């Protein structure tokens, strides 16, 4: 009886350990083949080029040096900014996986039709993960937006 109880208890512990590894592990932010490149961009939002970022919901593409392999999408939100990588987070990069903004309300992947809400990055169709985002620092006094990895 004691041997049966130990075997039963060991089985329960093993099952919970396996469940814990799968459900509580760190979520993969992107697919494994997502390019890892340095991001270091400084934008002066006082310049006319960045006028769209003066208002909530405004967005721009950034294709400067050090802005990733395909550039960034910068969006003004109600409490700051969202900076998205233009590589699809759920697919290995190829010629049809560059994210773009459609109708000023959603981000789309042309390869599989995946969609995300522009202002939040929440997935709405096909993909289960949001676009990769980057950190930023905004100095309102100078109008400088610094984006970095």
Protein backbone atom coordinates (compact mmCIF):
# COMPACT_ATOMS: atom_id res chain seq x y z
CA UNK A 1 0.00 0.00 0.00
CA UNK A 2 2.83 2.38 0.87
CA UNK A 3 4.52 1.67 -2.50
CA UNK A 4 1.24 2.39 -4.35
CA UNK A 5 0.82 5.69 -2.49
CA UNK A 6 4.42 6.78 -3.31
CA UNK A 7 3.96 5.88 -6.97
CA UNK A 8 0.67 7.81 -7.08
CA UNK A 9 2.22 10.82 -5.34
CA UNK A 10 5.24 10.77 -7.70
CA UNK A 11 2.89 10.67 -10.71
CA UNK A 12 0.92 13.66 -9.43
CA UNK A 13 4.10 15.66 -8.82
CA UNK A 14 5.40 14.80 -12.30
CA UNK A 15 2.14 15.86 -13.96
CA UNK A 16 2.04 19.19 -12.12
CA UNK A 17 5.70 19.82 -12.91
CA UNK A 18 5.07 19.28 -16.63
CA UNK A 19 1.99 21.50 -16.58
CA UNK A 20 3.89 24.20 -14.72
CA UNK A 21 6.71 24.17 -17.28
CA UNK A 22 4.28 24.59 -20.17
CA UNK A 23 1.84 27.10 -18.72
CA UNK A 24 3.94 29.27 -16.47
CA UNK A 25 7.10 29.47 -18.51
CA UNK A 26 8.19 32.72 -20.06
CA UNK A 27 6.18 33.48 -23.19
CA UNK A 28 8.11 33.70 -26.39
CA UNK A 29 7.75 37.33 -27.58
CA UNK A 30 8.51 36.46 -31.20
CA UNK A 31 9.38 33.43 -33.32
CA UNK A 32 12.92 32.10 -32.89
CA UNK A 33 14.02 33.32 -36.33
CA UNK A 34 13.07 36.96 -35.56
CA UNK A 35 16.09 39.19 -36.32
CA UNK A 36 17.85 40.62 -33.29
CA UNK A 37 19.38 43.95 -34.28
CA UNK A 38 20.24 47.10 -32.35
CA UNK A 39 17.59 49.82 -32.22
CA UNK A 40 18.77 53.36 -31.52
CA UNK A 41 16.70 56.16 -33.06
CA UNK A 42 16.24 59.77 -31.97
CA UNK A 43 13.36 61.80 -33.44
CA UNK A 44 12.75 65.52 -33.03
CA UNK A 45 8.95 65.68 -32.99
CA UNK A 46 9.07 69.44 -33.54
CA UNK A 47 10.07 68.83 -37.17
CA UNK A 48 7.30 68.81 -39.83
CA UNK A 49 8.19 65.24 -40.84
CA UNK A 50 6.86 63.98 -37.50
CA UNK A 51 3.74 66.19 -37.34
CA UNK A 52 1.45 63.11 -37.29
CA UNK A 53 2.82 62.19 -33.85
CA UNK A 54 1.44 65.37 -32.29
CA UNK A 55 -2.04 63.81 -32.00
CA UNK A 56 -3.33 60.59 -30.42
CA UNK A 57 -3.72 57.93 -33.10
CA UNK A 58 -1.13 59.56 -35.36
CA UNK A 59 1.58 57.28 -36.68
CA UNK A 60 4.63 57.21 -38.92
CA UNK A 61 7.05 54.71 -40.44
CA UNK A 62 10.67 55.12 -39.39
CA UNK A 63 13.21 53.71 -41.83
CA UNK A 64 16.39 55.33 -40.56
CA UNK A 65 19.72 53.72 -39.76
CA UNK A 66 19.54 51.64 -36.55
CA UNK A 67 15.76 51.22 -36.83
CA UNK A 68 15.79 47.44 -37.28
CA UNK A 69 15.87 45.34 -40.42
CA UNK A 70 12.58 46.67 -41.85
CA UNK A 71 12.01 49.82 -39.85
CA UNK A 72 9.55 50.78 -37.14
CA UNK A 73 5.97 51.95 -36.76
CA UNK A 74 5.67 54.75 -34.19
CA UNK A 75 2.17 55.47 -32.86
CA UNK A 76 1.00 58.22 -30.51
CA UNK A 77 -1.27 56.76 -27.80
CA UNK A 78 -3.32 58.38 -25.04
CA UNK A 79 -0.50 57.91 -22.54
CA UNK A 80 2.64 58.01 -24.68
CA UNK A 81 3.83 56.03 -27.68
CA UNK A 82 3.94 52.50 -29.05
CA UNK A 83 6.97 51.53 -31.09
CA UNK A 84 6.45 48.40 -33.22
CA UNK A 85 9.02 46.47 -35.23
CA UNK A 86 7.84 46.03 -38.84
CA UNK A 87 8.88 42.36 -38.92
CA UNK A 88 5.89 40.07 -38.35
CA UNK A 89 6.37 38.62 -34.83
CA UNK A 90 4.80 35.25 -35.65
CA UNK A 91 6.54 34.38 -38.95
CA UNK A 92 10.12 34.00 -40.07
CA UNK A 93 11.03 37.05 -42.16
CA UNK A 94 10.65 36.90 -45.92
CA UNK A 95 9.65 39.37 -48.64
CA UNK A 96 5.95 39.38 -47.61
CA UNK A 97 6.20 39.72 -43.83
CA UNK A 98 6.74 43.47 -43.46
CA UNK A 99 3.97 44.92 -41.31
CA UNK A 100 2.08 47.97 -42.55
CA UNK A 101 -0.68 50.24 -41.29
CA UNK A 102 -4.08 50.01 -42.94
CA UNK A 103 -6.92 52.56 -42.66
CA UNK A 104 -5.11 54.29 -39.77
CA UNK A 105 -6.59 51.73 -37.35
CA UNK A 106 -4.81 48.41 -37.78
CA UNK A 107 -1.45 46.84 -38.49
CA UNK A 108 -1.48 44.01 -41.03
CA UNK A 109 0.82 41.27 -42.26
CA UNK A 110 0.42 40.83 -46.04
CA UNK A 111 1.61 37.21 -46.01
CA UNK A 112 -1.16 35.66 -43.89
CA UNK A 113 -3.59 38.51 -43.18
CA UNK A 114 -2.74 38.74 -39.48
CA UNK A 115 -4.03 41.95 -37.89
CA UNK A 116 -3.38 43.98 -34.77
CA UNK A 117 -5.05 47.10 -33.34
CA UNK A 118 -2.76 50.01 -34.19
CA UNK A 119 -3.02 51.93 -30.93
CA UNK A 120 -2.67 48.92 -28.58
CA UNK A 121 -0.93 46.17 -30.56
CA UNK A 122 -3.58 43.66 -29.53
CA UNK A 123 -3.88 40.78 -32.03
CA UNK A 124 -7.31 40.51 -33.68
CA UNK A 125 -6.81 38.03 -36.50
CA UNK A 126 -4.50 35.02 -37.14
CA UNK A 127 -1.54 35.91 -34.86
CA UNK A 128 -1.66 35.17 -31.14
CA UNK A 129 1.13 37.54 -30.08
CA UNK A 130 1.46 41.31 -30.44
CA UNK A 131 4.11 42.96 -32.62
CA UNK A 132 7.51 43.33 -30.98
CA UNK A 133 7.70 46.68 -29.20
CA UNK A 134 10.66 48.78 -28.14
CA UNK A 135 11.26 51.06 -25.20
CA UNK A 136 11.45 54.79 -25.55
CA UNK A 137 12.09 57.99 -23.65
CA UNK A 138 10.16 61.15 -24.49
CA UNK A 139 11.41 64.57 -23.42
CA UNK A 140 8.35 66.82 -23.80
CA UNK A 141 10.40 69.98 -23.17
CA UNK A 142 12.56 69.41 -26.25
CA UNK A 143 10.15 67.23 -28.24
CA UNK A 144 12.77 64.49 -28.46
CA UNK A 145 11.66 60.86 -28.73
CA UNK A 146 14.49 58.36 -28.17
CA UNK A 147 13.78 54.75 -29.18
CA UNK A 148 16.09 51.97 -28.06
CA UNK A 149 16.43 48.26 -27.45
